[in-house]
Amino acid sequence: MPISMTQHAPQMPAEAYEQIIANVEQPLRGSGGFISHAAEITTDEVTVTEVWETREQCERWFNASVRPHLPADAPEPTVTELHNALGR
């Protein structure tokens, strides 16, 4: 079942997000189950929402490639089951 994963990173500066995405963009695009990625950057937070084919695929990617770059006090991501998800 497709899912959306939303990760809030309070106090993460835009520059930190830019460094992370520069290193993971290509591997992310090629990761099995990946559908889409969107980032919202405000003055005090970065919020990323991704859509994946399954929760397991998302968790495997997140734990290996994203979690190590987040601040220790970053909240856990919110995962929501979707009825449908379409990508390009």
C-alpha atoms as a PDB file:
ATOM      1  CA  MET A   1       0.000   0.000   0.000  1.00  0.00           C
ATOM      2  CA  PRO A   2       1.432   3.418  -0.878  1.00  0.00           C
ATOM      3  CA  ILE A   3       2.329   5.795   1.947  1.00  0.00           C
ATOM      4  CA  SER A   4       3.339   9.375   2.477  1.00  0.00           C
ATOM      5  CA  MET A   5       6.089  10.168   4.937  1.00  0.00           C
ATOM      6  CA  THR A   6       6.418  13.669   6.373  1.00  0.00           C
ATOM      7  CA  GLN A   7       9.530  14.657   8.307  1.00  0.00           C
ATOM      8  CA  HIS A   8       9.742  17.947  10.196  1.00  0.00           C
ATOM      9  CA  ALA A   9      13.213  19.179  11.116  1.00  0.00           C
ATOM     10  CA  PRO A  10      12.861  22.201  13.417  1.00  0.00           C
ATOM     11  CA  GLN A  11      15.806  24.618  13.389  1.00  0.00           C
ATOM     12  CA  MET A  12      17.354  22.914  10.344  1.00  0.00           C
ATOM     13  CA  PRO A  13      18.769  25.632   8.097  1.00  0.00           C
ATOM     14  CA  ALA A  14      18.106  25.558   4.361  1.00  0.00           C
ATOM     15  CA  GLU A  15      21.833  25.041   3.762  1.00  0.00           C
ATOM     16  CA  ALA A  16      21.783  21.765   5.698  1.00  0.00           C
ATOM     17  CA  TYR A  17      18.876  20.490   3.600  1.00  0.00           C
ATOM     18  CA  GLU A  18      20.682  21.519   0.401  1.00  0.00           C
ATOM     19  CA  GLN A  19      23.793  19.568   1.439  1.00  0.00           C
ATOM     20  CA  ILE A  20      21.776  16.457   2.255  1.00  0.00           C
ATOM     21  CA  ILE A  21      19.691  16.487  -0.935  1.00  0.00           C
ATOM     22  CA  ALA A  22      22.794  17.092  -3.065  1.00  0.00           C
ATOM     23  CA  ASN A  23      24.216  13.797  -1.748  1.00  0.00           C
ATOM     24  CA  VAL A  24      21.068  11.689  -1.832  1.00  0.00           C
ATOM     25  CA  GLU A  25      19.077  12.963  -4.821  1.00  0.00           C
ATOM     26  CA  GLN A  26      20.360  10.486  -7.402  1.00  0.00           C
ATOM     27  CA  PRO A  27      20.326   7.441  -5.104  1.00  0.00           C
ATOM     28  CA  LEU A  28      16.823   8.446  -3.964  1.00  0.00           C
ATOM     29  CA  ARG A  29      15.546   8.606  -7.538  1.00  0.00           C
ATOM     30  CA  GLY A  30      16.835   5.083  -8.132  1.00  0.00           C
ATOM     31  CA  SER A  31      15.578   3.629  -4.867  1.00  0.00           C
ATOM     32  CA  GLY A  32      12.998   0.873  -5.234  1.00  0.00           C
ATOM     33  CA  GLY A  33       9.529   2.075  -4.324  1.00  0.00           C
ATOM     34  CA  PHE A  34      10.275   5.806  -4.458  1.00  0.00           C
ATOM     35  CA  ILE A  35       7.513   7.917  -6.060  1.00  0.00           C
ATOM     36  CA  SER A  36       8.073  11.582  -5.124  1.00  0.00           C
ATOM     37  CA  HIS A  37       9.880  14.063  -2.862  1.00  0.00           C
ATOM     38  CA  ALA A  38       8.869  17.607  -1.917  1.00  0.00           C
ATOM     39  CA  ALA A  39      10.502  20.008   0.533  1.00  0.00           C
ATOM     40  CA  GLU A  40       9.115  23.104   2.235  1.00  0.00           C
ATOM     41  CA  ILE A  41      11.659  25.428   3.809  1.00  0.00           C
ATOM     42  CA  THR A  42      10.641  28.196   6.197  1.00  0.00           C
ATOM     43  CA  THR A  43      12.754  30.441   8.378  1.00  0.00           C
ATOM     44  CA  ASP A  44      12.667  27.960  11.255  1.00  0.00           C
ATOM     45  CA  GLU A  45      12.011  24.505   9.799  1.00  0.00           C
ATOM     46  CA  VAL A  46      12.470  22.113   6.904  1.00  0.00           C
ATOM     47  CA  THR A  47       9.551  19.818   6.127  1.00  0.00           C
ATOM     48  CA  VAL A  48       9.985  16.982   3.638  1.00  0.00           C
ATOM     49  CA  THR A  49       7.163  14.851   2.292  1.00  0.00           C
ATOM     50  CA  GLU A  50       7.858  11.741   0.274  1.00  0.00           C
ATOM     51  CA  VAL A  51       5.567   9.188  -1.315  1.00  0.00           C
ATOM     52  CA  TRP A  52       6.597   5.539  -1.494  1.00  0.00           C
ATOM     53  CA  GLU A  53       5.050   2.329  -2.788  1.00  0.00           C
ATOM     54  CA  THR A  54       5.350   0.693   0.654  1.00  0.00           C
ATOM     55  CA  ARG A  55       6.161   1.637   4.234  1.00  0.00           C
ATOM     56  CA  GLU A  56       9.003  -0.892   4.334  1.00  0.00           C
ATOM     57  CA  GLN A  57      10.753   0.667   1.332  1.00  0.00           C
ATOM     58  CA  CYS A  58      10.411   4.116   2.866  1.00  0.00           C
ATOM     59  CA  GLU A  59      11.710   3.011   6.271  1.00  0.00           C
ATOM     60  CA  ARG A  60      14.690   1.206   4.744  1.00  0.00           C
ATOM     61  CA  TRP A  61      15.682   4.358   2.801  1.00  0.00           C
ATOM     62  CA  PHE A  62      14.988   6.746   5.673  1.00  0.00           C
ATOM     63  CA  ASN A  63      16.950   4.789   8.265  1.00  0.00           C
ATOM     64  CA  ALA A  64      19.961   4.277   6.004  1.00  0.00           C
ATOM     65  CA  SER A  65      20.146   7.581   4.152  1.00  0.00           C
ATOM     66  CA  VAL A  66      18.265  10.309   6.021  1.00  0.00           C
ATOM     67  CA  ARG A  67      18.199   9.618   9.743  1.00  0.00           C
ATOM     68  CA  PRO A  68      22.004   9.878  10.111  1.00  0.00           C
ATOM     69  CA  HIS A  69      21.841  13.501   8.874  1.00  0.00           C
ATOM     70  CA  LEU A  70      19.032  14.682  11.152  1.00  0.00           C
ATOM     71  CA  PRO A  71      19.523  16.395  14.501  1.00  0.00           C
ATOM     72  CA  ALA A  72      19.278  13.988  17.425  1.00  0.00           C
ATOM     73  CA  ASP A  73      16.126  15.716  18.667  1.00  0.00           C
ATOM     74  CA  ALA A  74      14.298  15.641  15.306  1.00  0.00           C
ATOM     75  CA  PRO A  75      10.774  14.254  15.699  1.00  0.00           C
ATOM     76  CA  GLU A  76       9.866  10.921  14.189  1.00  0.00           C
ATOM     77  CA  PRO A  77       8.351  11.139  10.714  1.00  0.00           C
ATOM     78  CA  THR A  78       4.603  10.857  10.238  1.00  0.00           C
ATOM     79  CA  VAL A  79       3.549   8.020   7.954  1.00  0.00           C
ATOM     80  CA  THR A  80       0.090   7.951   6.383  1.00  0.00           C
ATOM     81  CA  GLU A  81      -1.391   5.177   4.266  1.00  0.00           C
ATOM     82  CA  LEU A  82      -2.677   6.410   0.933  1.00  0.00           C
ATOM     83  CA  HIS A  83      -5.451   5.084  -1.237  1.00  0.00           C
ATOM     84  CA  ASN A  84      -3.465   5.797  -4.383  1.00  0.00           C
ATOM     85  CA  ALA A  85      -0.228   7.450  -5.493  1.00  0.00           C
ATOM     86  CA  LEU A  86       0.747   8.363  -9.044  1.00  0.00           C
ATOM     87  CA  GLY A  87       4.155   9.459 -10.236  1.00  0.00           C
ATOM     88  CA  ARG A  88       5.494  10.408 -13.631  1.00  0.00           C
END
